[in-house]
């Protein structure tokens, strides 16, 4: 199987204390669709990130670092600069 790219939008709400609570990830068909979805969710969420990751599902090999398409608000450390 060839390498494929997946586009994901992950939104966060405030959890207990100072923690973040992740919503269910939203898969998208393109980078532009991921950006639009993230911008829409950003209106009501404490933090939102849209990213892509490429890999070979059959081999179970994926890129170590996702490519950030859009981010705003409070996010887990892995999505910070």
PDB file of N, CA and C in Angstrom:
ATOM      1  N   UNK A   1       0.853  -1.183   0.000  1.00  0.00           N
ATOM      2  CA  UNK A   1       0.000   0.000   0.000  1.00  0.00           C
ATOM      3  C   UNK A   1       0.893   1.238   0.000  1.00  0.00           C
ATOM      4  N   UNK A   2       0.485   2.260  -0.688  1.00  0.00           N
ATOM      5  CA  UNK A   2       1.263   3.489  -0.793  1.00  0.00           C
ATOM      6  C   UNK A   2       1.049   4.372   0.429  1.00  0.00           C
ATOM      7  N   UNK A   3       1.949   5.328   0.546  1.00  0.00           N
ATOM      8  CA  UNK A   3       1.798   6.299   1.632  1.00  0.00           C
ATOM      9  C   UNK A   3       0.559   7.139   1.383  1.00  0.00           C
ATOM     10  N   UNK A   4      -0.136   7.465   2.461  1.00  0.00           N
ATOM     11  CA  UNK A   4      -1.294   8.335   2.367  1.00  0.00           C
ATOM     12  C   UNK A   4      -1.202   9.403   3.440  1.00  0.00           C
ATOM     13  N   UNK A   5      -1.866  10.515   3.196  1.00  0.00           N
ATOM     14  CA  UNK A   5      -1.888  11.615   4.152  1.00  0.00           C
ATOM     15  C   UNK A   5      -3.287  11.716   4.740  1.00  0.00           C
ATOM     16  N   UNK A   6      -3.345  11.823   6.057  1.00  0.00           N
ATOM     17  CA  UNK A   6      -4.613  12.024   6.747  1.00  0.00           C
ATOM     18  C   UNK A   6      -4.616  13.420   7.348  1.00  0.00           C
ATOM     19  N   UNK A   7      -5.791  14.026   7.355  1.00  0.00           N
ATOM     20  CA  UNK A   7      -5.979  15.374   7.898  1.00  0.00           C
ATOM     21  C   UNK A   7      -6.930  15.273   9.074  1.00  0.00           C
ATOM     22  N   UNK A   8      -6.497  15.781  10.211  1.00  0.00           N
ATOM     23  CA  UNK A   8      -7.258  15.652  11.453  1.00  0.00           C
ATOM     24  C   UNK A   8      -7.412  17.021  12.112  1.00  0.00           C
ATOM     25  N   UNK A   9      -8.591  17.254  12.677  1.00  0.00           N
ATOM     26  CA  UNK A   9      -8.825  18.437  13.514  1.00  0.00           C
ATOM     27  C   UNK A   9      -9.119  17.939  14.915  1.00  0.00           C
ATOM     28  N   UNK A  10      -8.373  18.471  15.888  1.00  0.00           N
ATOM     29  CA  UNK A  10      -8.556  18.097  17.284  1.00  0.00           C
ATOM     30  C   UNK A  10      -8.911  19.352  18.072  1.00  0.00           C
ATOM     31  N   UNK A  11     -10.067  19.325  18.734  1.00  0.00           N
ATOM     32  CA  UNK A  11     -10.517  20.457  19.552  1.00  0.00           C
ATOM     33  C   UNK A  11     -10.421  20.085  21.028  1.00  0.00           C
ATOM     34  N   UNK A  12     -10.279  21.091  21.868  1.00  0.00           N
ATOM     35  CA  UNK A  12     -10.138  20.892  23.311  1.00  0.00           C
ATOM     36  C   UNK A  12     -11.077  21.808  24.075  1.00  0.00           C
ATOM     37  N   UNK A  13     -11.598  21.279  25.176  1.00  0.00           N
ATOM     38  CA  UNK A  13     -12.388  22.032  26.137  1.00  0.00           C
ATOM     39  C   UNK A  13     -11.607  22.069  27.450  1.00  0.00           C
ATOM     40  N   UNK A  14     -12.037  22.931  28.369  1.00  0.00           N
ATOM     41  CA  UNK A  14     -11.415  22.975  29.695  1.00  0.00           C
ATOM     42  C   UNK A  14     -11.829  21.728  30.467  1.00  0.00           C
ATOM     43  N   UNK A  15     -10.849  21.081  31.082  1.00  0.00           N
ATOM     44  CA  UNK A  15     -11.116  19.925  31.926  1.00  0.00           C
ATOM     45  C   UNK A  15     -11.015  20.322  33.383  1.00  0.00           C
ATOM     46  N   UNK A  16     -10.869  19.340  34.252  1.00  0.00           N
ATOM     47  CA  UNK A  16     -10.727  19.613  35.680  1.00  0.00           C
ATOM     48  C   UNK A  16      -9.398  20.290  35.950  1.00  0.00           C
ATOM     49  N   UNK A  17      -9.431  21.240  36.850  1.00  0.00           N
ATOM     50  CA  UNK A  17      -8.210  21.965  37.190  1.00  0.00           C
ATOM     51  C   UNK A  17      -7.712  22.752  35.986  1.00  0.00           C
ATOM     52  N   UNK A  18      -6.444  22.551  35.661  1.00  0.00           N
ATOM     53  CA  UNK A  18      -5.821  23.258  34.547  1.00  0.00           C
ATOM     54  C   UNK A  18      -5.662  22.342  33.336  1.00  0.00           C
ATOM     55  N   UNK A  19      -6.359  21.221  33.321  1.00  0.00           N
ATOM     56  CA  UNK A  19      -6.207  20.228  32.258  1.00  0.00           C
ATOM     57  C   UNK A  19      -7.083  20.556  31.052  1.00  0.00           C
ATOM     58  N   UNK A  20      -6.721  19.951  29.929  1.00  0.00           N
ATOM     59  CA  UNK A  20      -7.510  20.052  28.714  1.00  0.00           C
ATOM     60  C   UNK A  20      -8.227  18.732  28.474  1.00  0.00           C
ATOM     61  N   UNK A  21      -9.440  18.820  27.974  1.00  0.00           N
ATOM     62  CA  UNK A  21     -10.213  17.626  27.653  1.00  0.00           C
ATOM     63  C   UNK A  21     -10.373  17.585  26.132  1.00  0.00           C
ATOM     64  N   UNK A  22      -9.844  16.520  25.508  1.00  0.00           N
ATOM     65  CA  UNK A  22      -9.893  16.397  24.046  1.00  0.00           C
ATOM     66  C   UNK A  22     -11.257  15.929  23.581  1.00  0.00           C
ATOM     67  N   UNK A  23     -11.778  16.587  22.548  1.00  0.00           N
ATOM     68  CA  UNK A  23     -12.990  16.128  21.877  1.00  0.00           C
ATOM     69  C   UNK A  23     -12.609  14.969  20.954  1.00  0.00           C
ATOM     70  N   UNK A  24     -13.596  14.346  20.362  1.00  0.00           N
ATOM     71  CA  UNK A  24     -13.339  13.302  19.370  1.00  0.00           C
ATOM     72  C   UNK A  24     -12.673  13.943  18.153  1.00  0.00           C
ATOM     73  N   UNK A  25     -11.564  13.382  17.662  1.00  0.00           N
ATOM     74  CA  UNK A  25     -10.896  13.946  16.478  1.00  0.00           C
ATOM     75  C   UNK A  25     -11.822  13.925  15.263  1.00  0.00           C
ATOM     76  N   UNK A  26     -11.699  14.940  14.424  1.00  0.00           N
ATOM     77  CA  UNK A  26     -12.523  15.046  13.219  1.00  0.00           C
ATOM     78  C   UNK A  26     -11.644  14.822  11.998  1.00  0.00           C
ATOM     79  N   UNK A  27     -11.857  13.725  11.254  1.00  0.00           N
ATOM     80  CA  UNK A  27     -11.090  13.510  10.031  1.00  0.00           C
ATOM     81  C   UNK A  27     -11.614  14.416   8.913  1.00  0.00           C
ATOM     82  N   UNK A  28     -10.712  14.901   8.072  1.00  0.00           N
ATOM     83  CA  UNK A  28     -11.084  15.765   6.955  1.00  0.00           C
ATOM     84  C   UNK A  28     -10.463  15.227   5.668  1.00  0.00           C
ATOM     85  N   UNK A  29     -10.998  15.667   4.526  1.00  0.00           N
ATOM     86  CA  UNK A  29     -10.549  15.145   3.231  1.00  0.00           C
ATOM     87  C   UNK A  29      -9.364  15.901   2.634  1.00  0.00           C
ATOM     88  N   UNK A  30      -9.116  17.116   3.139  1.00  0.00           N
ATOM     89  CA  UNK A  30      -8.023  17.922   2.584  1.00  0.00           C
ATOM     90  C   UNK A  30      -7.518  18.892   3.643  1.00  0.00           C
ATOM     91  N   UNK A  31      -6.385  19.510   3.339  1.00  0.00           N
ATOM     92  CA  UNK A  31      -5.835  20.510   4.248  1.00  0.00           C
ATOM     93  C   UNK A  31      -6.781  21.705   4.365  1.00  0.00           C
ATOM     94  N   UNK A  32      -7.375  22.115   3.261  1.00  0.00           N
ATOM     95  CA  UNK A  32      -8.299  23.252   3.296  1.00  0.00           C
ATOM     96  C   UNK A  32      -9.547  22.930   4.104  1.00  0.00           C
ATOM     97  N   UNK A  33     -10.078  21.732   3.962  1.00  0.00           N
ATOM     98  CA  UNK A  33     -11.246  21.328   4.750  1.00  0.00           C
ATOM     99  C   UNK A  33     -10.893  21.288   6.237  1.00  0.00           C
ATOM    100  N   UNK A  34      -9.692  20.846   6.562  1.00  0.00           N
ATOM    101  CA  UNK A  34      -9.246  20.806   7.956  1.00  0.00           C
ATOM    102  C   UNK A  34      -9.143  22.219   8.516  1.00  0.00           C
ATOM    103  N   UNK A  35      -8.601  23.135   7.729  1.00  0.00           N
ATOM    104  CA  UNK A  35      -8.479  24.533   8.185  1.00  0.00           C
ATOM    105  C   UNK A  35      -9.861  25.143   8.426  1.00  0.00           C
ATOM    106  N   UNK A  36     -10.785  24.952   7.503  1.00  0.00           N
ATOM    107  CA  UNK A  36     -12.133  25.514   7.658  1.00  0.00           C
ATOM    108  C   UNK A  36     -12.833  24.937   8.889  1.00  0.00           C
ATOM    109  N   UNK A  37     -12.693  23.627   9.091  1.00  0.00           N
ATOM    110  CA  UNK A  37     -13.309  22.974  10.253  1.00  0.00           C
ATOM    111  C   UNK A  37     -12.709  23.526  11.545  1.00  0.00           C
ATOM    112  N   UNK A  38     -11.388  23.663  11.568  1.00  0.00           N
ATOM    113  CA  UNK A  38     -10.709  24.180  12.762  1.00  0.00           C
ATOM    114  C   UNK A  38     -11.131  25.616  13.059  1.00  0.00           C
ATOM    115  N   UNK A  39     -11.219  26.436  12.034  1.00  0.00           N
ATOM    116  CA  UNK A  39     -11.633  27.831  12.238  1.00  0.00           C
ATOM    117  C   UNK A  39     -13.051  27.902  12.796  1.00  0.00           C
ATOM    118  N   UNK A  40     -13.929  27.034  12.320  1.00  0.00           N
ATOM    119  CA  UNK A  40     -15.311  27.010  12.807  1.00  0.00           C
ATOM    120  C   UNK A  40     -15.362  26.558  14.270  1.00  0.00           C
ATOM    121  N   UNK A  41     -14.609  25.510  14.617  1.00  0.00           N
ATOM    122  CA  UNK A  41     -14.593  25.011  15.993  1.00  0.00           C
ATOM    123  C   UNK A  41     -13.941  26.002  16.958  1.00  0.00           C
ATOM    124  N   UNK A  42     -13.014  26.797  16.455  1.00  0.00           N
ATOM    125  CA  UNK A  42     -12.290  27.755  17.301  1.00  0.00           C
ATOM    126  C   UNK A  42     -13.227  28.791  17.925  1.00  0.00           C
ATOM    127  N   UNK A  43     -14.404  28.963  17.353  1.00  0.00           N
ATOM    128  CA  UNK A  43     -15.355  29.935  17.890  1.00  0.00           C
ATOM    129  C   UNK A  43     -15.927  29.499  19.236  1.00  0.00           C
ATOM    130  N   UNK A  44     -15.898  28.186  19.527  1.00  0.00           N
ATOM    131  CA  UNK A  44     -16.529  27.686  20.752  1.00  0.00           C
ATOM    132  C   UNK A  44     -15.610  26.834  21.630  1.00  0.00           C
ATOM    133  N   UNK A  45     -14.390  26.581  21.217  1.00  0.00           N
ATOM    134  CA  UNK A  45     -13.485  25.696  21.957  1.00  0.00           C
ATOM    135  C   UNK A  45     -12.329  26.481  22.562  1.00  0.00           C
ATOM    136  N   UNK A  46     -11.739  25.937  23.616  1.00  0.00           N
ATOM    137  CA  UNK A  46     -10.612  26.597  24.284  1.00  0.00           C
ATOM    138  C   UNK A  46      -9.328  26.511  23.451  1.00  0.00           C
ATOM    139  N   UNK A  47      -9.248  25.488  22.606  1.00  0.00           N
ATOM    140  CA  UNK A  47      -8.103  25.316  21.723  1.00  0.00           C
ATOM    141  C   UNK A  47      -8.458  24.370  20.592  1.00  0.00           C
ATOM    142  N   UNK A  48      -7.854  24.609  19.424  1.00  0.00           N
ATOM    143  CA  UNK A  48      -8.100  23.767  18.250  1.00  0.00           C
ATOM    144  C   UNK A  48      -6.815  23.675  17.445  1.00  0.00           C
ATOM    145  N   UNK A  49      -6.536  22.477  16.948  1.00  0.00           N
ATOM    146  CA  UNK A  49      -5.400  22.279  16.066  1.00  0.00           C
ATOM    147  C   UNK A  49      -5.831  21.411  14.892  1.00  0.00           C
ATOM    148  N   UNK A  50      -5.379  21.790  13.700  1.00  0.00           N
ATOM    149  CA  UNK A  50      -5.578  20.975  12.496  1.00  0.00           C
ATOM    150  C   UNK A  50      -4.187  20.558  12.040  1.00  0.00           C
ATOM    151  N   UNK A  51      -4.044  19.290  11.718  1.00  0.00           N
ATOM    152  CA  UNK A  51      -2.724  18.803  11.303  1.00  0.00           C
ATOM    153  C   UNK A  51      -2.862  17.667  10.310  1.00  0.00           C
ATOM    154  N   UNK A  52      -1.749  17.364   9.653  1.00  0.00           N
ATOM    155  CA  UNK A  52      -1.713  16.224   8.746  1.00  0.00           C
ATOM    156  C   UNK A  52      -0.585  15.303   9.171  1.00  0.00           C
ATOM    157  N   UNK A  53      -0.738  14.048   8.804  1.00  0.00           N
ATOM    158  CA  UNK A  53       0.286  13.048   9.061  1.00  0.00           C
ATOM    159  C   UNK A  53       0.285  12.091   7.875  1.00  0.00           C
ATOM    160  N   UNK A  54       1.464  11.720   7.425  1.00  0.00           N
ATOM    161  CA  UNK A  54       1.580  10.809   6.293  1.00  0.00           C
ATOM    162  C   UNK A  54       2.194   9.506   6.750  1.00  0.00           C
ATOM    163  N   UNK A  55       1.800   8.442   6.081  1.00  0.00           N
ATOM    164  CA  UNK A  55       2.371   7.154   6.434  1.00  0.00           C
ATOM    165  C   UNK A  55       1.799   6.031   5.603  1.00  0.00           C
ATOM    166  N   UNK A  56       2.258   4.854   5.905  1.00  0.00           N
ATOM    167  CA  UNK A  56       1.821   3.632   5.234  1.00  0.00           C
ATOM    168  C   UNK A  56       1.060   2.797   6.248  1.00  0.00           C
ATOM    169  N   UNK A  57      -0.256   2.751   6.114  1.00  0.00           N
ATOM    170  CA  UNK A  57      -1.106   2.055   7.079  1.00  0.00           C
ATOM    171  C   UNK A  57      -0.772   0.568   7.144  1.00  0.00           C
ATOM    172  N   UNK A  58      -0.496  -0.028   6.018  1.00  0.00           N
ATOM    173  CA  UNK A  58      -0.204  -1.463   5.968  1.00  0.00           C
ATOM    174  C   UNK A  58       1.055  -1.810   6.764  1.00  0.00           C
ATOM    175  N   UNK A  59       2.067  -0.949   6.662  1.00  0.00           N
ATOM    176  CA  UNK A  59       3.320  -1.174   7.389  1.00  0.00           C
ATOM    177  C   UNK A  59       3.277  -0.600   8.801  1.00  0.00           C
ATOM    178  N   UNK A  60       2.293   0.261   9.069  1.00  0.00           N
ATOM    179  CA  UNK A  60       2.192   0.889  10.381  1.00  0.00           C
ATOM    180  C   UNK A  60       3.248   1.952  10.607  1.00  0.00           C
ATOM    181  N   UNK A  61       3.751   2.511   9.531  1.00  0.00           N
ATOM    182  CA  UNK A  61       4.795   3.539   9.624  1.00  0.00           C
ATOM    183  C   UNK A  61       4.201   4.894   9.312  1.00  0.00           C
ATOM    184  N   UNK A  62       4.352   5.819  10.260  1.00  0.00           N
ATOM    185  CA  UNK A  62       3.848   7.174  10.093  1.00  0.00           C
ATOM    186  C   UNK A  62       4.933   8.172  10.455  1.00  0.00           C
ATOM    187  N   UNK A  63       4.798   9.408   9.946  1.00  0.00           N
ATOM    188  CA  UNK A  63       5.744  10.470  10.271  1.00  0.00           C
ATOM    189  C   UNK A  63       5.781  10.678  11.778  1.00  0.00           C
ATOM    190  N   UNK A  64       6.967  10.991  12.299  1.00  0.00           N
ATOM    191  CA  UNK A  64       7.103  11.226  13.732  1.00  0.00           C
ATOM    192  C   UNK A  64       6.404  12.505  14.177  1.00  0.00           C
ATOM    193  N   UNK A  65       6.496  13.537  13.374  1.00  0.00           N
ATOM    194  CA  UNK A  65       5.921  14.834  13.722  1.00  0.00           C
ATOM    195  C   UNK A  65       4.809  15.194  12.746  1.00  0.00           C
ATOM    196  N   UNK A  66       3.640  15.579  13.259  1.00  0.00           N
ATOM    197  CA  UNK A  66       2.570  16.017  12.359  1.00  0.00           C
ATOM    198  C   UNK A  66       2.914  17.388  11.765  1.00  0.00           C
ATOM    199  N   UNK A  67       2.330  17.689  10.631  1.00  0.00           N
ATOM    200  CA  UNK A  67       2.474  19.010  10.017  1.00  0.00           C
ATOM    201  C   UNK A  67       1.272  19.835  10.441  1.00  0.00           C
ATOM    202  N   UNK A  68       1.534  20.925  11.151  1.00  0.00           N
ATOM    203  CA  UNK A  68       0.468  21.783  11.661  1.00  0.00           C
ATOM    204  C   UNK A  68      -0.072  22.650  10.531  1.00  0.00           C
ATOM    205  N   UNK A  69      -1.382  22.621  10.347  1.00  0.00           N
ATOM    206  CA  UNK A  69      -2.053  23.422   9.332  1.00  0.00           C
ATOM    207  C   UNK A  69      -2.631  24.682   9.966  1.00  0.00           C
ATOM    208  N   UNK A  70      -3.169  24.540  11.180  1.00  0.00           N
ATOM    209  CA  UNK A  70      -3.826  25.644  11.875  1.00  0.00           C
ATOM    210  C   UNK A  70      -3.805  25.346  13.364  1.00  0.00           C
ATOM    211  N   UNK A  71      -3.583  26.351  14.178  1.00  0.00           N
ATOM    212  CA  UNK A  71      -3.703  26.168  15.632  1.00  0.00           C
ATOM    213  C   UNK A  71      -4.073  27.499  16.273  1.00  0.00           C
ATOM    214  N   UNK A  72      -4.859  27.365  17.329  1.00  0.00           N
ATOM    215  CA  UNK A  72      -5.284  28.556  18.056  1.00  0.00           C
ATOM    216  C   UNK A  72      -5.701  28.141  19.462  1.00  0.00           C
ATOM    217  N   UNK A  73      -5.456  29.025  20.412  1.00  0.00           N
ATOM    218  CA  UNK A  73      -5.886  28.782  21.781  1.00  0.00           C
ATOM    219  C   UNK A  73      -4.914  27.929  22.576  1.00  0.00           C
ATOM    220  N   UNK A  74      -5.435  27.382  23.657  1.00  0.00           N
ATOM    221  CA  UNK A  74      -4.637  26.564  24.569  1.00  0.00           C
ATOM    222  C   UNK A  74      -4.597  25.128  24.061  1.00  0.00           C
ATOM    223  N   UNK A  75      -3.373  24.606  23.911  1.00  0.00           N
ATOM    224  CA  UNK A  75      -3.172  23.272  23.354  1.00  0.00           C
ATOM    225  C   UNK A  75      -2.182  22.481  24.186  1.00  0.00           C
ATOM    226  N   UNK A  76      -2.189  21.155  24.064  1.00  0.00           N
ATOM    227  CA  UNK A  76      -1.178  20.346  24.737  1.00  0.00           C
ATOM    228  C   UNK A  76       0.222  20.692  24.224  1.00  0.00           C
ATOM    229  N   UNK A  77       1.212  20.411  25.036  1.00  0.00           N
ATOM    230  CA  UNK A  77       2.601  20.743  24.724  1.00  0.00           C
ATOM    231  C   UNK A  77       3.054  20.256  23.352  1.00  0.00           C
ATOM    232  N   UNK A  78       2.592  19.097  22.928  1.00  0.00           N
ATOM    233  CA  UNK A  78       3.042  18.522  21.658  1.00  0.00           C
ATOM    234  C   UNK A  78       2.696  19.387  20.460  1.00  0.00           C
ATOM    235  N   UNK A  79       1.715  20.285  20.600  1.00  0.00           N
ATOM    236  CA  UNK A  79       1.320  21.166  19.490  1.00  0.00           C
ATOM    237  C   UNK A  79       1.825  22.596  19.660  1.00  0.00           C
ATOM    238  N   UNK A  80       2.573  22.858  20.699  1.00  0.00           N
ATOM    239  CA  UNK A  80       3.139  24.195  20.916  1.00  0.00           C
ATOM    240  C   UNK A  80       4.448  24.323  20.147  1.00  0.00           C
ATOM    241  N   UNK A  81       4.848  25.580  19.876  1.00  0.00           N
ATOM    242  CA  UNK A  81       6.126  25.826  19.163  1.00  0.00           C
ATOM    243  C   UNK A  81       7.295  25.343  19.942  1.00  0.00           C
TER     244      UNK A  81
END
